[in-house]
Amino acid sequence: MMDKKEQKQIMMHNLTEKSKAAASKTEEAVIYEEHGFTYIDAHLPSYNFNVITLSEDTPFPQLEHFQKIVKMYETKGYPMNVWGWEDQPEIISMFKKAGLVEYETDYLGMIADLTAFHPGGAS
């Protein structure tokens, strides 16, 4: 069974890969992977495409890099979606220092234990 850290890593990886796949279908989209972040400039005014995620294998990202990314979206007037974990106070603090605020969502993220998954039903 995966521990909580492994679950978080796989969920963030999944979100990052799905975001990159969606962006690759948009000719103008640019995918950046630098300074501990993966972020997408989809050239669309949609937070569903303009996504920022933290890379799983990078040490703590620096505030100045994050601020530059946020500024890029703000300059274009585009909304963005930023993903992190609430039990990472240093990440939440970085988000807040960059001027971001939290908002409530109507959904709950969940994870399936795929080691117990059997295609076609129970075995």
Protein backbone atom coordinates (compact mmCIF):
# COMPACT_ATOMS: atom_id res chain seq x y z
CA MET A 1 0.00 0.00 0.00
CA MET A 2 1.28 3.46 -0.87
CA ASP A 3 2.08 5.84 1.94
CA LYS A 4 0.69 9.38 1.90
CA LYS A 5 3.81 10.86 0.28
CA GLU A 6 3.68 8.32 -2.56
CA GLN A 7 -0.04 9.00 -3.04
CA LYS A 8 0.61 12.73 -3.31
CA GLN A 9 3.43 12.20 -5.78
CA ILE A 10 1.38 9.99 -8.05
CA MET A 11 -1.64 12.33 -7.93
CA MET A 12 0.51 15.37 -8.78
CA HIS A 13 2.27 13.43 -11.53
CA ASN A 14 -1.11 12.38 -12.95
CA LEU A 15 -2.39 15.98 -12.92
CA THR A 16 0.81 17.25 -14.54
CA GLU A 17 0.73 14.62 -17.29
CA LYS A 18 -2.97 15.21 -18.02
CA SER A 19 -2.37 18.96 -18.19
CA LYS A 20 0.55 18.47 -20.56
CA ALA A 21 -1.50 16.12 -22.75
CA ALA A 22 -4.36 18.63 -23.00
CA ALA A 23 -1.93 21.43 -23.80
CA SER A 24 -0.26 19.40 -26.53
CA LYS A 25 -3.56 19.45 -28.43
CA THR A 26 -3.45 23.25 -28.58
CA GLU A 27 -1.02 24.47 -31.21
CA GLU A 28 -0.13 27.67 -29.35
CA ALA A 29 0.42 26.09 -25.94
CA VAL A 30 3.89 26.15 -24.42
CA ILE A 31 4.84 23.69 -21.69
CA TYR A 32 7.59 24.82 -19.34
CA GLU A 33 9.44 22.53 -16.95
CA GLU A 34 11.92 24.57 -14.97
CA HIS A 35 12.92 25.74 -11.49
CA GLY A 36 10.85 23.04 -9.77
CA PHE A 37 7.64 23.81 -11.62
CA THR A 38 5.72 22.51 -14.59
CA TYR A 39 3.53 25.24 -16.00
CA ILE A 40 1.56 25.71 -19.15
CA ASP A 41 0.90 28.86 -21.12
CA ALA A 42 -2.03 27.69 -23.23
CA HIS A 43 -2.62 31.14 -24.74
CA LEU A 44 -6.23 30.67 -23.65
CA PRO A 45 -8.11 32.60 -20.95
CA SER A 46 -8.91 29.40 -19.05
CA TYR A 47 -7.64 28.20 -15.72
CA ASN A 48 -8.31 24.64 -16.92
CA PHE A 49 -5.39 24.99 -19.34
CA ASN A 50 -3.10 27.44 -17.53
CA VAL A 51 -1.88 25.09 -14.83
CA ILE A 52 1.08 25.28 -12.45
CA THR A 53 2.23 22.17 -10.61
CA LEU A 54 5.27 21.48 -8.47
CA SER A 55 7.75 18.98 -9.82
CA GLU A 56 7.98 15.88 -7.66
CA ASP A 57 11.75 15.46 -7.82
CA THR A 58 12.93 19.02 -7.20
CA PRO A 59 13.95 20.56 -3.90
CA PHE A 60 11.86 23.38 -2.51
CA PRO A 61 11.16 25.85 -5.34
CA GLN A 62 12.19 29.48 -4.95
CA LEU A 63 9.70 32.32 -4.50
CA GLU A 64 11.27 34.53 -7.19
CA HIS A 65 10.75 31.85 -9.86
CA PHE A 66 7.16 31.36 -8.78
CA GLN A 67 6.51 35.11 -8.82
CA LYS A 68 7.82 35.32 -12.41
CA ILE A 69 5.40 32.57 -13.47
CA VAL A 70 2.44 34.28 -11.77
CA LYS A 71 3.43 37.61 -13.35
CA MET A 72 3.43 35.99 -16.81
CA TYR A 73 -0.22 34.98 -16.39
CA GLU A 74 -1.19 38.30 -14.82
CA THR A 75 0.43 40.27 -17.67
CA LYS A 76 -1.66 38.33 -20.17
CA GLY A 77 -4.79 38.70 -18.04
CA TYR A 78 -5.18 34.92 -17.90
CA PRO A 79 -6.49 32.95 -14.94
CA MET A 80 -4.36 30.09 -13.67
CA ASN A 81 -4.73 27.01 -11.57
CA VAL A 82 -2.01 26.33 -8.98
CA TRP A 83 -1.77 22.97 -7.27
CA GLY A 84 -0.12 22.09 -3.98
CA TRP A 85 -0.86 20.33 -0.69
CA GLU A 86 -2.34 22.02 2.37
CA ASP A 87 -0.01 20.11 4.70
CA GLN A 88 3.02 21.78 3.09
CA PRO A 89 3.09 25.10 4.95
CA GLU A 90 6.23 26.30 3.15
CA ILE A 91 4.49 25.89 -0.23
CA ILE A 92 1.29 27.57 0.97
CA SER A 93 3.40 30.40 2.39
CA MET A 94 5.13 30.82 -0.99
CA PHE A 95 1.75 30.97 -2.74
CA LYS A 96 0.55 33.66 -0.33
CA LYS A 97 3.77 35.68 -0.62
CA ALA A 98 3.20 35.70 -4.39
CA GLY A 99 -0.21 37.29 -3.76
CA LEU A 100 -2.41 34.24 -4.24
CA VAL A 101 -5.40 33.54 -2.02
CA GLU A 102 -7.20 30.30 -1.29
CA TYR A 103 -10.66 29.57 -2.58
CA GLU A 104 -13.12 26.85 -1.68
CA THR A 105 -13.95 24.09 -4.13
CA ASP A 106 -16.99 21.86 -4.36
CA TYR A 107 -15.02 18.71 -5.04
CA LEU A 108 -12.91 16.26 -3.15
CA GLY A 109 -9.85 14.58 -4.59
CA MET A 110 -9.69 10.82 -4.18
CA ILE A 111 -7.24 8.07 -5.03
CA ALA A 112 -7.82 4.45 -5.97
CA ASP A 113 -5.49 1.70 -4.86
CA LEU A 114 -4.76 0.22 -8.27
CA THR A 115 -2.88 -2.72 -6.81
CA ALA A 116 -6.32 -4.12 -5.93
CA PHE A 117 -7.87 -3.22 -9.29
CA HIS A 118 -8.89 -6.10 -11.55
CA PRO A 119 -10.18 -5.20 -15.04
CA GLY A 120 -13.47 -6.90 -15.84
CA GLY A 121 -14.57 -7.31 -12.24
CA ALA A 122 -13.45 -9.24 -9.21
CA SER A 123 -11.23 -12.25 -9.69
